[in-house]
Amino acid sequence: MGGARALNPRDDLRLFAVRTATGVVVYRNRCPHAGFELNWLPDRFLDRDGRHIHCQVHGALFDIATGRCVAGPCAGKHLEPVPLRILDGDLSLDGAH
């Protein structure tokens, strides 16, 4: 597993990317339970084991590959994925509006 990084292409668009064994996933940096950004510290999106995305506000855990809440008060909800393509080694965010 890799790590996670904040991506803020515009002031009004907060995203983060997580490197996985098979590629990269990008989500909006917004908890589906409370609407807060998931991280309190820069680039701190994963739990201690690096196995789940961790909401620092209320402790919810999300599956990295699907964004599905697997623990916490957001059961049944998902992080919002942002489609991406990799062009010549660079990320191109297709759905970041």
N, C-alpha and C. Protein backbone atom coordinates (compact mmCIF):
# COMPACT_ATOMS: atom_id res chain seq x y z
N MET A 1 0.83 -1.17 0.00
CA MET A 1 0.00 0.00 0.00
C MET A 1 0.88 1.24 0.00
N GLY A 2 0.33 2.28 -0.56
CA GLY A 2 1.04 3.54 -0.60
C GLY A 2 0.54 4.47 0.48
N GLY A 3 0.54 5.73 0.17
CA GLY A 3 0.08 6.73 1.11
C GLY A 3 -1.05 7.54 0.53
N ALA A 4 -1.34 8.65 1.18
CA ALA A 4 -2.42 9.52 0.75
C ALA A 4 -1.91 10.95 0.69
N ARG A 5 -2.50 11.73 -0.21
CA ARG A 5 -2.10 13.12 -0.39
C ARG A 5 -3.30 13.98 -0.68
N ALA A 6 -3.33 15.17 -0.12
CA ALA A 6 -4.37 16.15 -0.44
C ALA A 6 -4.10 16.70 -1.84
N LEU A 7 -5.17 16.93 -2.56
CA LEU A 7 -5.12 17.57 -3.88
C LEU A 7 -6.12 18.72 -3.83
N ASN A 8 -5.64 19.92 -4.02
CA ASN A 8 -6.52 21.07 -3.97
C ASN A 8 -6.33 21.90 -5.24
N PRO A 9 -6.91 21.43 -6.35
CA PRO A 9 -6.70 22.13 -7.61
C PRO A 9 -7.31 23.53 -7.65
N ARG A 10 -8.29 23.77 -6.80
CA ARG A 10 -8.91 25.10 -6.67
C ARG A 10 -9.26 25.30 -5.20
N ASP A 11 -9.46 26.55 -4.80
CA ASP A 11 -9.82 26.83 -3.41
C ASP A 11 -11.13 26.16 -3.01
N ASP A 12 -12.05 26.01 -3.95
CA ASP A 12 -13.36 25.44 -3.65
C ASP A 12 -13.44 23.95 -3.94
N LEU A 13 -12.31 23.32 -4.23
CA LEU A 13 -12.32 21.89 -4.55
C LEU A 13 -11.24 21.18 -3.75
N ARG A 14 -11.67 20.45 -2.72
CA ARG A 14 -10.76 19.73 -1.84
C ARG A 14 -10.87 18.25 -2.13
N LEU A 15 -9.78 17.63 -2.55
CA LEU A 15 -9.73 16.22 -2.90
C LEU A 15 -8.56 15.57 -2.17
N PHE A 16 -8.51 14.24 -2.23
CA PHE A 16 -7.32 13.53 -1.79
C PHE A 16 -7.18 12.27 -2.62
N ALA A 17 -5.94 11.85 -2.78
CA ALA A 17 -5.63 10.65 -3.55
C ALA A 17 -4.96 9.64 -2.64
N VAL A 18 -5.27 8.36 -2.89
CA VAL A 18 -4.65 7.28 -2.14
C VAL A 18 -4.02 6.32 -3.15
N ARG A 19 -2.75 6.05 -2.97
CA ARG A 19 -2.07 5.07 -3.82
C ARG A 19 -2.36 3.69 -3.27
N THR A 20 -2.77 2.80 -4.16
CA THR A 20 -3.05 1.42 -3.78
C THR A 20 -2.09 0.50 -4.52
N ALA A 21 -2.21 -0.77 -4.26
CA ALA A 21 -1.35 -1.75 -4.94
C ALA A 21 -1.64 -1.80 -6.43
N THR A 22 -2.84 -1.38 -6.83
CA THR A 22 -3.22 -1.46 -8.25
C THR A 22 -3.34 -0.11 -8.94
N GLY A 23 -3.11 0.99 -8.25
CA GLY A 23 -3.23 2.30 -8.89
C GLY A 23 -3.49 3.40 -7.88
N VAL A 24 -4.34 4.34 -8.28
CA VAL A 24 -4.65 5.49 -7.45
C VAL A 24 -6.16 5.70 -7.45
N VAL A 25 -6.72 6.04 -6.29
CA VAL A 25 -8.12 6.44 -6.20
C VAL A 25 -8.17 7.86 -5.67
N VAL A 26 -9.16 8.63 -6.13
CA VAL A 26 -9.32 10.01 -5.69
C VAL A 26 -10.74 10.20 -5.19
N TYR A 27 -10.86 10.88 -4.04
CA TYR A 27 -12.16 11.18 -3.44
C TYR A 27 -12.22 12.65 -3.07
N ARG A 28 -13.45 13.18 -2.96
CA ARG A 28 -13.63 14.50 -2.38
C ARG A 28 -13.27 14.40 -0.90
N ASN A 29 -12.63 15.41 -0.40
CA ASN A 29 -12.22 15.44 1.01
C ASN A 29 -13.41 15.95 1.84
N ARG A 30 -14.40 15.08 1.96
CA ARG A 30 -15.63 15.46 2.67
C ARG A 30 -16.26 14.21 3.27
N CYS A 31 -16.44 14.21 4.57
CA CYS A 31 -17.08 13.09 5.24
C CYS A 31 -18.57 13.07 4.88
N PRO A 32 -19.11 11.93 4.45
CA PRO A 32 -20.53 11.87 4.09
C PRO A 32 -21.45 11.95 5.32
N HIS A 33 -20.91 11.80 6.50
CA HIS A 33 -21.71 11.85 7.72
C HIS A 33 -21.94 13.29 8.17
N ALA A 34 -20.86 14.06 8.25
CA ALA A 34 -20.96 15.40 8.84
C ALA A 34 -20.51 16.52 7.92
N GLY A 35 -19.92 16.19 6.78
CA GLY A 35 -19.50 17.22 5.83
C GLY A 35 -18.15 17.85 6.11
N PHE A 36 -17.47 17.39 7.15
CA PHE A 36 -16.15 17.93 7.47
C PHE A 36 -15.09 17.35 6.55
N GLU A 37 -13.95 18.05 6.44
CA GLU A 37 -12.80 17.45 5.78
C GLU A 37 -12.33 16.29 6.65
N LEU A 38 -11.81 15.26 6.02
CA LEU A 38 -11.45 14.03 6.74
C LEU A 38 -10.18 14.17 7.58
N ASN A 39 -9.28 15.03 7.17
CA ASN A 39 -7.97 15.12 7.85
C ASN A 39 -7.86 16.40 8.67
N TRP A 40 -7.17 16.30 9.82
CA TRP A 40 -6.84 17.48 10.62
C TRP A 40 -5.42 17.94 10.31
N LEU A 41 -4.57 17.00 9.99
CA LEU A 41 -3.18 17.31 9.66
C LEU A 41 -2.95 17.07 8.18
N PRO A 42 -2.03 17.78 7.58
CA PRO A 42 -1.78 17.61 6.14
C PRO A 42 -1.50 16.15 5.77
N ASP A 43 -2.19 15.69 4.74
CA ASP A 43 -1.96 14.36 4.16
C ASP A 43 -2.16 13.20 5.14
N ARG A 44 -2.92 13.39 6.23
CA ARG A 44 -3.22 12.33 7.19
C ARG A 44 -4.63 11.83 6.94
N PHE A 45 -4.78 10.88 6.02
CA PHE A 45 -6.08 10.36 5.64
C PHE A 45 -6.28 8.89 6.01
N LEU A 46 -5.20 8.19 6.32
CA LEU A 46 -5.29 6.76 6.56
C LEU A 46 -5.18 6.44 8.05
N ASP A 47 -5.75 5.29 8.43
CA ASP A 47 -5.60 4.84 9.82
C ASP A 47 -4.15 4.41 10.05
N ARG A 48 -3.84 4.06 11.26
CA ARG A 48 -2.44 3.73 11.61
C ARG A 48 -1.87 2.57 10.80
N ASP A 49 -2.73 1.61 10.45
CA ASP A 49 -2.28 0.45 9.68
C ASP A 49 -2.23 0.73 8.18
N GLY A 50 -2.78 1.86 7.74
CA GLY A 50 -2.82 2.18 6.32
C GLY A 50 -3.81 1.33 5.55
N ARG A 51 -4.77 0.71 6.25
CA ARG A 51 -5.72 -0.19 5.62
C ARG A 51 -7.05 0.49 5.28
N HIS A 52 -7.35 1.61 5.94
CA HIS A 52 -8.62 2.30 5.73
C HIS A 52 -8.40 3.81 5.70
N ILE A 53 -9.30 4.50 5.04
CA ILE A 53 -9.36 5.95 5.14
C ILE A 53 -10.05 6.25 6.46
N HIS A 54 -9.52 7.20 7.20
CA HIS A 54 -9.98 7.47 8.56
C HIS A 54 -10.45 8.91 8.68
N CYS A 55 -11.71 9.10 9.08
CA CYS A 55 -12.21 10.45 9.36
C CYS A 55 -11.70 10.87 10.73
N GLN A 56 -10.90 11.90 10.78
CA GLN A 56 -10.31 12.35 12.03
C GLN A 56 -11.32 13.02 12.96
N VAL A 57 -12.47 13.42 12.43
CA VAL A 57 -13.47 14.12 13.25
C VAL A 57 -14.24 13.16 14.14
N HIS A 58 -14.74 12.06 13.59
CA HIS A 58 -15.55 11.16 14.40
C HIS A 58 -15.13 9.70 14.29
N GLY A 59 -14.01 9.41 13.67
CA GLY A 59 -13.44 8.07 13.70
C GLY A 59 -13.97 7.07 12.69
N ALA A 60 -14.81 7.49 11.77
CA ALA A 60 -15.33 6.55 10.76
C ALA A 60 -14.19 6.00 9.92
N LEU A 61 -14.36 4.76 9.46
CA LEU A 61 -13.38 4.12 8.59
C LEU A 61 -14.04 3.80 7.27
N PHE A 62 -13.30 4.00 6.18
CA PHE A 62 -13.80 3.78 4.83
C PHE A 62 -12.87 2.84 4.08
N ASP A 63 -13.47 1.96 3.29
CA ASP A 63 -12.69 1.08 2.41
C ASP A 63 -11.97 1.95 1.39
N ILE A 64 -10.68 1.72 1.20
CA ILE A 64 -9.90 2.55 0.28
C ILE A 64 -10.37 2.37 -1.16
N ALA A 65 -10.60 1.16 -1.59
CA ALA A 65 -10.94 0.91 -2.99
C ALA A 65 -12.33 1.40 -3.39
N THR A 66 -13.29 1.34 -2.45
CA THR A 66 -14.67 1.68 -2.81
C THR A 66 -15.19 2.95 -2.16
N GLY A 67 -14.55 3.42 -1.09
CA GLY A 67 -15.03 4.57 -0.35
C GLY A 67 -16.19 4.27 0.57
N ARG A 68 -16.59 3.01 0.68
CA ARG A 68 -17.73 2.60 1.52
C ARG A 68 -17.35 2.67 2.99
N CYS A 69 -18.25 3.24 3.80
CA CYS A 69 -18.04 3.31 5.25
C CYS A 69 -18.15 1.91 5.83
N VAL A 70 -17.11 1.47 6.54
CA VAL A 70 -17.10 0.14 7.12
C VAL A 70 -17.19 0.17 8.65
N ALA A 71 -17.06 1.35 9.25
CA ALA A 71 -17.19 1.49 10.70
C ALA A 71 -17.47 2.95 11.04
N GLY A 72 -18.30 3.16 12.04
CA GLY A 72 -18.60 4.51 12.48
C GLY A 72 -20.03 4.92 12.15
N PRO A 73 -20.36 6.19 12.41
CA PRO A 73 -21.74 6.65 12.30
C PRO A 73 -22.23 6.86 10.87
N CYS A 74 -21.45 6.53 9.89
CA CYS A 74 -21.84 6.77 8.49
C CYS A 74 -22.18 5.49 7.75
N ALA A 75 -22.54 4.44 8.48
CA ALA A 75 -22.82 3.14 7.87
C ALA A 75 -23.76 3.27 6.67
N GLY A 76 -23.37 2.62 5.59
CA GLY A 76 -24.17 2.64 4.38
C GLY A 76 -23.87 3.80 3.46
N LYS A 77 -23.05 4.72 3.89
CA LYS A 77 -22.70 5.87 3.05
C LYS A 77 -21.34 5.64 2.40
N HIS A 78 -21.02 6.47 1.41
CA HIS A 78 -19.76 6.35 0.67
C HIS A 78 -19.09 7.71 0.54
N LEU A 79 -17.78 7.69 0.43
CA LEU A 79 -17.06 8.89 0.01
C LEU A 79 -17.39 9.13 -1.45
N GLU A 80 -17.28 10.36 -1.90
CA GLU A 80 -17.59 10.69 -3.29
C GLU A 80 -16.33 10.52 -4.15
N PRO A 81 -16.34 9.53 -5.05
CA PRO A 81 -15.17 9.31 -5.90
C PRO A 81 -15.07 10.38 -6.99
N VAL A 82 -13.86 10.64 -7.42
CA VAL A 82 -13.62 11.56 -8.54
C VAL A 82 -12.90 10.77 -9.62
N PRO A 83 -13.54 10.60 -10.78
CA PRO A 83 -12.90 9.83 -11.86
C PRO A 83 -11.58 10.47 -12.28
N LEU A 84 -10.63 9.64 -12.64
CA LEU A 84 -9.34 10.15 -13.07
C LEU A 84 -8.78 9.29 -14.18
N ARG A 85 -7.87 9.89 -14.90
CA ARG A 85 -7.08 9.19 -15.91
C ARG A 85 -5.63 9.55 -15.66
N ILE A 86 -4.74 8.65 -16.03
CA ILE A 86 -3.31 8.96 -15.95
C ILE A 86 -2.82 9.14 -17.38
N LEU A 87 -2.37 10.36 -17.68
CA LEU A 87 -1.89 10.72 -19.01
C LEU A 87 -0.42 11.10 -18.92
N ASP A 88 0.41 10.33 -19.56
CA ASP A 88 1.86 10.58 -19.54
C ASP A 88 2.40 10.73 -18.14
N GLY A 89 1.89 9.92 -17.21
CA GLY A 89 2.37 9.94 -15.83
C GLY A 89 1.73 10.98 -14.95
N ASP A 90 0.84 11.82 -15.50
CA ASP A 90 0.15 12.85 -14.71
C ASP A 90 -1.31 12.48 -14.50
N LEU A 91 -1.86 12.85 -13.34
CA LEU A 91 -3.27 12.62 -13.06
C LEU A 91 -4.12 13.66 -13.78
N SER A 92 -5.17 13.20 -14.44
CA SER A 92 -6.15 14.09 -15.04
C SER A 92 -7.48 13.79 -14.36
N LEU A 93 -8.02 14.77 -13.66
CA LEU A 93 -9.26 14.58 -12.91
C LEU A 93 -10.44 14.88 -13.82
N ASP A 94 -11.16 13.83 -14.20
CA ASP A 94 -12.26 13.97 -15.15
C ASP A 94 -13.52 14.55 -14.54
N GLY A 95 -13.82 14.27 -13.28
CA GLY A 95 -15.10 14.65 -12.72
C GLY A 95 -15.00 15.69 -11.63
N ALA A 96 -13.95 16.46 -11.60
CA ALA A 96 -13.74 17.43 -10.52
C ALA A 96 -14.36 18.77 -10.89
N HIS A 97 -15.64 18.90 -10.61
CA HIS A 97 -16.35 20.16 -10.90
C HIS A 97 -16.66 20.90 -9.63
